[in-house]
Structure formats: structure tokens, C-alpha cells
Amino acid sequence: MVVPSLKLQDLIEEIRGARTQAQEREVIQKECAHIRASFRDGDPMLRHRQLAKLLYVHMLGYPAHFGQMECLKLIASSRFTDKRVGYLGAMLLLDERHDAHLLITNSIKNDLSQGIQPVQGLALCTLSTMGSAEMCRDLATEVEKLLLQPSPYVRKKAILTAVHMIRKVPELSNVFLPPCAKLLHERHHGILLGTITLITELCERSPEALRHFRKVVPQLAQILRTLVTTGCSTEHSISGVSDPFLQVQILRLLRILGRNHEESSETMNDLLAQVATNTDTSRNAGNAVLFETVLTIMDIRSAAGLRVLAVNILGRFLHNSDRNIRYVALTSLLRLVQSDHSAVQRHRPTVVECLQETDASLSRRALELSLALVNGSNVRAMMQELQAFLESCPPDLRADCASGILLAAERFAPTKRWHIDTILHVLTTAGTHVRDDAVANLTRLIGGAQELHAYSVRRLYNALAEDISQQPLVQVAAWCIGEYGDLLLQGNFEEIEPLQVEEEEVLALLEKVLQSHMSLPATRGYALTALMKLSTRLRGDNNRIRQVVSIYGSCLDVELQQRAVEYDTLFRKYDHMRAAILEKMPLVEQGDPQVDEEVQESKAAAQLSEAAPAPTESQASQLLDLLDLLDGASGNAQHPPLLDPSPGGALVHLLDLPCAPPPPAPIPDLKVFEREGVQLNLSFIRPSENPALLLIIVTATNSSESDVTHFICQAAVPKSLQLQLQAPSGNTVPARGGLPITQLFRILNPNKAPLRLKLRLTYNHFGQSVQEIFEVNNLPVESWQ
């Protein structure tokens, strides 16, 4: 005896009337028990009602797997009411992970061949929703026959099913090529839109289909021209734009057909100009068509005037009141700035205005585009705008803005003085947000500009006197005062308001930095070294400096304590060598940072060897530590083992270097990424003349059947390392093992820290946008040790 259960409507009312989740679970568990009993012993004629209730329970998130076999039974039934609920249940309860989905293949095949349109529609919807690769291969012929059926209802659903089959099994492209040419002559909106979508999928996945459909470019152009000029039907018009969905789909297909093909692109030029000039921009539908037109113009080999027109359309988008449209315009202009730089430059004032947007995503995009627009002719004006934005920008944008200004200034600086002023302004405004290499870059810049030493030390002294909270600024100022403090005291400056600085004021300012709770250990190290160097540049008594140095000999920070102890030893035991060891750093040229450091170390070593007599073993050990300190390192340098001293030759052995180091062993390659035929491999090279430099050659290959387009590889390393990304060899990886893309990474690792990479890949493959972010932690040890 089957216990009577609720009707679907009554079940819905009772579930909605439950006051708590426990009551809802109780109602559902009770009804599921009734449904199970009905499946087992109930009337087969009412089974579809029980399954309908189970599907509602499934939609609420409760388990309903026990209804899968009932779906198969209902699909096999001859009654339409059973088939309708059975196919709906199959779409909801079955997928490729369940082997039961293969059992309905024969039922679908029989229903497709029956000729009953509602049943054919149900079977096609189910196949396009949950059809696996095996089902697609088995039923491709039946679907291909339905593409040319007289009923528009069946043909439209068959086309959408064919799209699903192509996505699942790309090798089925040849089956659906012949019917597509006939379907393009259709006037039915749904059939034509589905056909354009099907052709797009075929062209993205099959080079043969791409060549085949390039012949129909004139026909596609005529369809689009008709839509733009005369329209298709008012039924499919939106806000006065004739069938915008069909226009957008045709433009996407034209973009694929015209890419890297001169003849097809030439056929489209006049049409695209007509669409761009005749489309109404007062409505969102018209803006969508215009945006697709711009993307098509930029992807094909269009005429130069047409590309300028596309950039001007994006410029008009920047004045739109809709934030989404402005964001799309900024993103698109950022993509075009490399290929059409002069055209994008015309909209520079509007882009700069977008920096003041309250929306964070818009201001970030505007910042990226503004930095990309900086060149040698507008660098002064753009830097003024960016520096003004830096003062008021949100905290999460300050790091990007500061880094962008520093990189642009380094690349396009008109004079060294302007370059120094720009960096100082950034350090003063957002010093805590600059990159780690900003201090080293500025000290190298000042050191290489001999004519600006006096100007730089005066500017930095004034900035330090006003604010000691910006740690990078304090570090640069301390270094500069230590190197060129004598120029600061001379007072020979071409300034509007000259100010005489006394020795006591300079020493008091550095002591203030040492005693400040805001100073980092590295900043105190800079200040202590500056005091030590001033001991050879000041004319007064050094007792105050010696007293400060001796105080920090008992500091809790090991690095600072070591410096103070060694400096105190230099005062007490090697005072005759102090002037030679602490003289000014030699002028250096801009170049590789590691090479610059090696040049500085070799010069300092040569000067030391000329000024000092042969030391004993303990003296050699002290000199070794001092050489490390002169480099300004933070204590991470590794000391080479001390050689056995020989009379009069300890210093010679200490500074001796091997004449011909053995060649390094080759570093094995590493595969770091593979997905759907796209593979990324890393090759490593460590130049023997600069072992701290690692060259990584990134190679992207593609063994799939579809091209990989818009490929971008970005990388990040820990802050203790320096990374430089060279431009890639291209952005398209041809299918079937075509010419790969290569890109060079230059990583400077002077401290031989363990190497880790974080990579972000973005590209288009099989018509879909792919983004992968992952870390590479298994790099060969030989690449960094």
C-alpha cells in the first residue's frame, strides 16, 4: 500500500511555509521517502509527477541522484508528458561524470528520427546541454540531417546542438561545413544568428574551415550592410538599432576571417567605415555594435584612416556617462597604444581627466594608459599631471603610480637635474610606496652626475630636515650627505635663498635619524656610515662622531652593532687608513647594477692595496669586513674563507681572484605549464662573467588545432631580486607546432637567494579567454646557487 504523497503545488507551498530550516528538511525527507516508494511500487502513469517533485527538491540543493534511472525510463516512454519531464530530469541530474548518461543515446537517436517536432526539440536541447564527446560522435550524422529540415524550429535547435558538438569534438568540423553555406541564405533571425555562431566556432577550431569561409566574406558583408542601412525587422530592433545581436555576431566572425588576410580585410574596409559612421551612439545597443566594430578594425589589416576612426570612437566613449563604457574605452586604448601611439596621443587630455574618477577600476586603467602615453616630447607635462595625481590618489594606487613615474622618468628624462628632482618629489610624496630598487637607482644617478653633486646634497638635506618619516628618502639623503657633505658645508649653490649649513647641524640631523623610532635598521646603517664618512670630510673634531659610533657598538641589532664595532676599530687601530678607505665613491655610468658593484669593489680594493702596508692575519680579517661594509650591503653578503697568511702577502691573497673560472654546468630545462596543447618551457643561462645574473628564456608552443592569440606572459619575483622582462617575439602561437613565442627574463640575484617565480598567462584559445596564475617553486638549484 503506497502512502499518498503531496502534489507538486502543495509541496511547494509547504516548503515555503516552513519557518525553520529543520522544518524544511523534515518536509523534504518525508516527501523523498514517498517519491522512492512511488518509483518502486506506484503507478507508472504518474511517475512523471513524482520526478517533477524530485526535480524541484534538486533545485533547492538536496540530493536527488536516485531519480537518474527514472529519467531514462521516462525518456524511453512513448507519451510526450513522460518524455518532457524525463528529458528535463536528464539535463538536471545527468552529466559526463555519470555513466548513466550514455544509456540515453539510443533514445535520443530514435526521437531525432521520429519526425515529431516537439520531441525532436526536447532531444536536441538535452544533447546540447549534457552531451559528452562519445554521444556527439554517435549522433553527429542525425544532427547534420536536421540542419536542412523545413521546420525553422527544429533547424534552430539543430544549429545550436552542432555548436555544442564542435566545442566538444573539434574534429567533427567537416561534418557541418556543407550545410552552413546554405543556411547563410536564411531570412529567419534565429537560424541566421545560430549559423553565424556555428561558422565562428568552426573557423576558430579548424584552419580548413577558416580558409573555406573566407570565400563568403562578401555575403556576410552584404548581410551586415542590409542591417545597417535598411534594417531587418522591427521585431528584433533595440532602441532604434536593427538587430544588434546579429550585427555583433557578424562583426566577430569578420574579425576572425580578416585576421592576417589582406584580401578579406580589404573587402571589409568600406563596410566597417559605414557601420562606424551610421550607428547611433545615444543608446547602449549602438555602443555595443560600435565597440565590436572597433575591435574588428584593430584585429584585421585595415587602412590607416580606419584605425584612426576606431581610436576616435574610443575617445568619444571616454566622454560617455556610463562608467562601464569608459572602462571599456580605457582598456581598448591601452591595447592600441603600442600600434597606434600617435592616434591615441590625441586623446591624452581626456585620459588624464579620467585619473580623477572616483571608481577605483577606472582610475587604475587611466593611470596605466597615462603612463603608456609618456614619451620624450610630453614627459614634462605628463609628469606634472602624474605627480599631482600621486599626491591625492588612493593608497592602493600609490605604489603603481610611484613605480610608473620612476620608470618613465628613467626612460625619458630630458636632463639629469630634472630626473633627480622628479625622483625626489616621488620619494617625498610617496616614499614608503616606491620599489625596492629606487634607492639604489637614485644613488647611482647622483653618483654619475658630478656637476649635480652640490645641488643634490643640498636638496636632500633640506628634504631630510623637513621629514624623516619617508625611509627611502632618508636612506638616499644619508648616503648623499656622507659622500658629499663637504660640498654641503661649502655653501656654493646657485639657489634663490642660499642657506649656510654648519657642521653641528649636519651631525645633529644624522643623530636624529639614528634615534628616531621611525627609522628602519637599514636606515640607521646608512646614517651611521654617513657619520663615519663625514669624519674625513669635516674640518672639526671627530670626538662627537666617535662617541656616537661607540654607543652603537652595544646595539641589539646585529648588523648595526657589527658596523659600529668595525668603525670603532678603524678609529682606534687603523686611523692612518681611514681617509683612504672612506673616500668618495668613484663616478659610475648607468648600466647593469651588478657590473657597477663589481667595478666599485675593484676600485676600492685597488686604492686600499696602494694605501696600506701588508697587514697581519687579524688585520686582514678586519679589512675583509670593512670591504663588505663599503659596499653598503645589509649584512647578507657571504664571506669567502680566509687564506693562510704568508709574511707580507696576506692582503694580496685576500684580493686575489681566479683568472679563468671553470665554466658552469648546464642548467636543465623546466616545463612549468601545459593545457590543451599549450606548453610553456623555461631555459636557463648564467653568464660566466656575471654569475649573479640569470637569463631565463621562456618558450611557448602550441600543438593543438587552433591558434593561440593575444598571448601575454607576466612574471614576478621576491623583493630581494630584480626582474626585467624583455619584449616577446610575438603574441600569436600558430597551431600544430608552429613557430613558438620566446621571451627573455633577466633576473639579478646578488645574494643568491632561493629563486621563486609567479607567472600570469593570458591568451585566447578555441575562442575563449584563458587566464592562469601559478607559482614555480621547483626551479633548478643551479639557477640561483
Foldseek 3Di string as FASTA:
>chain_A
DQDDADFLVVLVVQLVPDPDVVSNVVSVVVLVVSLVVCVVDNDPVCNLRSLVSLVVVVVVPDDRQVCLVVLLVLLQDPDPSSNQSSLVCCLRRHAPVDPSNVVCLVSLQVQLPPPDLVSVLSSLVSCLRHNALVSLVVCVLSLLVQCPDPDPSSNLSSLSSLLSNCVRPVVCLVSNLVSLVVQCPDLDPSSNLSSLSSLQLNLQQFVVSLVVCLVCLVVLLVVLVCCLPPARDPVQDDPNRHNLSSLLSSLSSLLSSQAPPDVSQVSCAVSLVSLLVRFDPPDPSSLSSLLSSLVSCVRGPYDPVVNLSSLVSLLVQLPDPDPVSNLSSLVVVLVCCVVPVVSNLVSLVSLLVQCPDPDPSSNLSSLSNLLSNDAQVCLVVSLVSLLVSLQPPDPVCNLVSLASNLVSCVVRPPDLVVNLVSLLSSLLRPLVNYAPCSLVVNLLSLLQCVVCLLVNLVVLVVSLVVDVLRASSLLNNLQSCLQPVLSLQVQPDPDPDGDHDDPVNVLVSLVCLLPDPSYDPLSVLSSLLSLLSVCLRDPDDNPVNLVVLVVQCPPPDPQSVVVSVLSNCCVVPVVQCSCQLSHHQHRDDDDDPQVRLVVRLVVSLVSSVVRDFQDDPVVLVSVQVSSVVVSSDRPLADGDDQDDDDVRCRSVVRPDDDPDDDDDDAFDKDWDDDDQQKTKIWGWDQDPVANQKIKIKIKIAGARSRKKFQKDKDKDWDSQKDKDKDDKPHGIHGYRGGDIIIIIIIIGHPSLDQTKMWMWIWIAHSNDTDIDIDIDRPGDSSRRD
